[in-house]
Amino acid sequence: MGRMKDIAIDLMDYEAGELNARETLELFGVLINSGMAWTLQGAYGRMASELIDTGCLTEEGEISEFAGQVLDKLDERATS
């Protein structure tokens, strides 16, 4: 139950707009990898599809190399 509880908390944080870009991609990666993205309300499946279609996430839910590079740049700016 521990991981499901973590996912539920992450979903609530996402809904509240409290996740940064990396956390959002990580959450949707988990949802895609587990198949949950396609069983939750439609907005999650549409967002998951959009993240895959734009090349941010792979079909397996991994953060793409391109998205990883963008996130690294954003992280650098945030700490500067």
C-alpha atoms as a PDB file:
ATOM      1  CA  MET A   1       0.000   0.000   0.000  1.00  0.00           C
ATOM      2  CA  GLY A   2       2.956   2.318   0.533  1.00  0.00           C
ATOM      3  CA  ARG A   3       3.542   3.095  -3.139  1.00  0.00           C
ATOM      4  CA  MET A   4      -0.172   3.588  -3.819  1.00  0.00           C
ATOM      5  CA  LYS A   5      -0.309   6.068  -0.959  1.00  0.00           C
ATOM      6  CA  ASP A   6       2.671   7.925  -2.470  1.00  0.00           C
ATOM      7  CA  ILE A   7       0.965   8.037  -5.870  1.00  0.00           C
ATOM      8  CA  ALA A   8      -2.235   9.343  -4.292  1.00  0.00           C
ATOM      9  CA  ILE A   9      -0.301  12.116  -2.543  1.00  0.00           C
ATOM     10  CA  ASP A  10       1.530  12.961  -5.779  1.00  0.00           C
ATOM     11  CA  LEU A  11      -1.794  13.099  -7.653  1.00  0.00           C
ATOM     12  CA  MET A  12      -3.215  15.494  -5.074  1.00  0.00           C
ATOM     13  CA  ASP A  13      -0.082  17.658  -5.311  1.00  0.00           C
ATOM     14  CA  TYR A  14      -0.377  17.637  -9.121  1.00  0.00           C
ATOM     15  CA  GLU A  15      -4.035  18.653  -8.940  1.00  0.00           C
ATOM     16  CA  ALA A  16      -3.091  21.488  -6.564  1.00  0.00           C
ATOM     17  CA  GLY A  17      -0.377  22.719  -8.945  1.00  0.00           C
ATOM     18  CA  GLU A  18       2.364  21.985  -6.423  1.00  0.00           C
ATOM     19  CA  LEU A  19       4.650  19.828  -8.590  1.00  0.00           C
ATOM     20  CA  ASN A  20       7.516  21.268 -10.609  1.00  0.00           C
ATOM     21  CA  ALA A  21       8.177  20.110 -14.187  1.00  0.00           C
ATOM     22  CA  ARG A  22      10.499  17.266 -13.187  1.00  0.00           C
ATOM     23  CA  GLU A  23       8.095  15.980 -10.526  1.00  0.00           C
ATOM     24  CA  THR A  24       5.224  16.128 -13.010  1.00  0.00           C
ATOM     25  CA  LEU A  25       7.156  14.098 -15.581  1.00  0.00           C
ATOM     26  CA  GLU A  26       8.196  11.602 -12.921  1.00  0.00           C
ATOM     27  CA  LEU A  27       4.572  11.230 -11.779  1.00  0.00           C
ATOM     28  CA  PHE A  28       3.286  10.705 -15.308  1.00  0.00           C
ATOM     29  CA  GLY A  29       6.146   8.303 -15.964  1.00  0.00           C
ATOM     30  CA  VAL A  30       4.941   6.161 -13.062  1.00  0.00           C
ATOM     31  CA  LEU A  31       1.338   6.429 -14.233  1.00  0.00           C
ATOM     32  CA  ILE A  32       2.277   5.384 -17.781  1.00  0.00           C
ATOM     33  CA  ASN A  33       4.580   2.570 -16.671  1.00  0.00           C
ATOM     34  CA  SER A  34       1.956   1.141 -14.305  1.00  0.00           C
ATOM     35  CA  GLY A  35      -0.897   1.571 -16.778  1.00  0.00           C
ATOM     36  CA  MET A  36      -2.775   3.810 -14.354  1.00  0.00           C
ATOM     37  CA  ALA A  37      -2.638   6.763 -16.763  1.00  0.00           C
ATOM     38  CA  TRP A  38      -5.157   4.951 -18.952  1.00  0.00           C
ATOM     39  CA  THR A  39      -7.548   3.991 -16.122  1.00  0.00           C
ATOM     40  CA  LEU A  40      -7.779   7.259 -14.183  1.00  0.00           C
ATOM     41  CA  GLN A  41     -10.083  10.077 -15.283  1.00  0.00           C
ATOM     42  CA  GLY A  42      -9.607  11.119 -18.899  1.00  0.00           C
ATOM     43  CA  ALA A  43      -7.486  14.187 -18.207  1.00  0.00           C
ATOM     44  CA  TYR A  44      -4.634  11.973 -16.983  1.00  0.00           C
ATOM     45  CA  GLY A  45      -4.681   9.820 -20.090  1.00  0.00           C
ATOM     46  CA  ARG A  46      -4.798  12.883 -22.342  1.00  0.00           C
ATOM     47  CA  MET A  47      -1.853  14.474 -20.521  1.00  0.00           C
ATOM     48  CA  ALA A  48       0.097  11.215 -20.647  1.00  0.00           C
ATOM     49  CA  SER A  49      -0.548  10.947 -24.392  1.00  0.00           C
ATOM     50  CA  GLU A  50       0.524  14.552 -24.891  1.00  0.00           C
ATOM     51  CA  LEU A  51       3.753  14.005 -22.956  1.00  0.00           C
ATOM     52  CA  ILE A  52       4.500  10.954 -25.105  1.00  0.00           C
ATOM     53  CA  ASP A  53       3.517  12.673 -28.364  1.00  0.00           C
ATOM     54  CA  THR A  54       5.705  15.713 -27.625  1.00  0.00           C
ATOM     55  CA  GLY A  55       8.683  13.488 -26.820  1.00  0.00           C
ATOM     56  CA  CYS A  56       8.908  14.350 -23.129  1.00  0.00           C
ATOM     57  CA  LEU A  57       8.240  10.765 -22.055  1.00  0.00           C
ATOM     58  CA  THR A  58       8.734   7.445 -23.796  1.00  0.00           C
ATOM     59  CA  GLU A  59       5.901   4.968 -24.221  1.00  0.00           C
ATOM     60  CA  GLU A  60       7.420   3.115 -21.255  1.00  0.00           C
ATOM     61  CA  GLY A  61       7.164   6.221 -19.068  1.00  0.00           C
ATOM     62  CA  GLU A  62      10.852   7.130 -19.063  1.00  0.00           C
ATOM     63  CA  ILE A  63      11.865  10.792 -19.234  1.00  0.00           C
ATOM     64  CA  SER A  64      13.341  11.306 -22.702  1.00  0.00           C
ATOM     65  CA  GLU A  65      16.912  12.477 -23.168  1.00  0.00           C
ATOM     66  CA  PHE A  66      15.662  15.763 -24.629  1.00  0.00           C
ATOM     67  CA  ALA A  67      13.310  16.448 -21.715  1.00  0.00           C
ATOM     68  CA  GLY A  68      16.049  15.496 -19.269  1.00  0.00           C
ATOM     69  CA  GLN A  69      18.379  18.059 -20.814  1.00  0.00           C
ATOM     70  CA  VAL A  70      15.704  20.761 -20.625  1.00  0.00           C
ATOM     71  CA  LEU A  71      14.984  19.906 -17.000  1.00  0.00           C
ATOM     72  CA  ASP A  72      18.700  20.000 -16.172  1.00  0.00           C
ATOM     73  CA  LYS A  73      18.915  23.516 -17.649  1.00  0.00           C
ATOM     74  CA  LEU A  74      15.870  24.619 -15.647  1.00  0.00           C
ATOM     75  CA  ASP A  75      17.421  23.174 -12.488  1.00  0.00           C
ATOM     76  CA  GLU A  76      20.670  25.047 -13.175  1.00  0.00           C
ATOM     77  CA  ARG A  77      18.792  28.330 -13.563  1.00  0.00           C
ATOM     78  CA  ALA A  78      16.825  27.738 -10.376  1.00  0.00           C
ATOM     79  CA  THR A  79      19.988  27.257  -8.331  1.00  0.00           C
ATOM     80  CA  SER A  80      21.870  30.200  -9.867  1.00  0.00           C
END
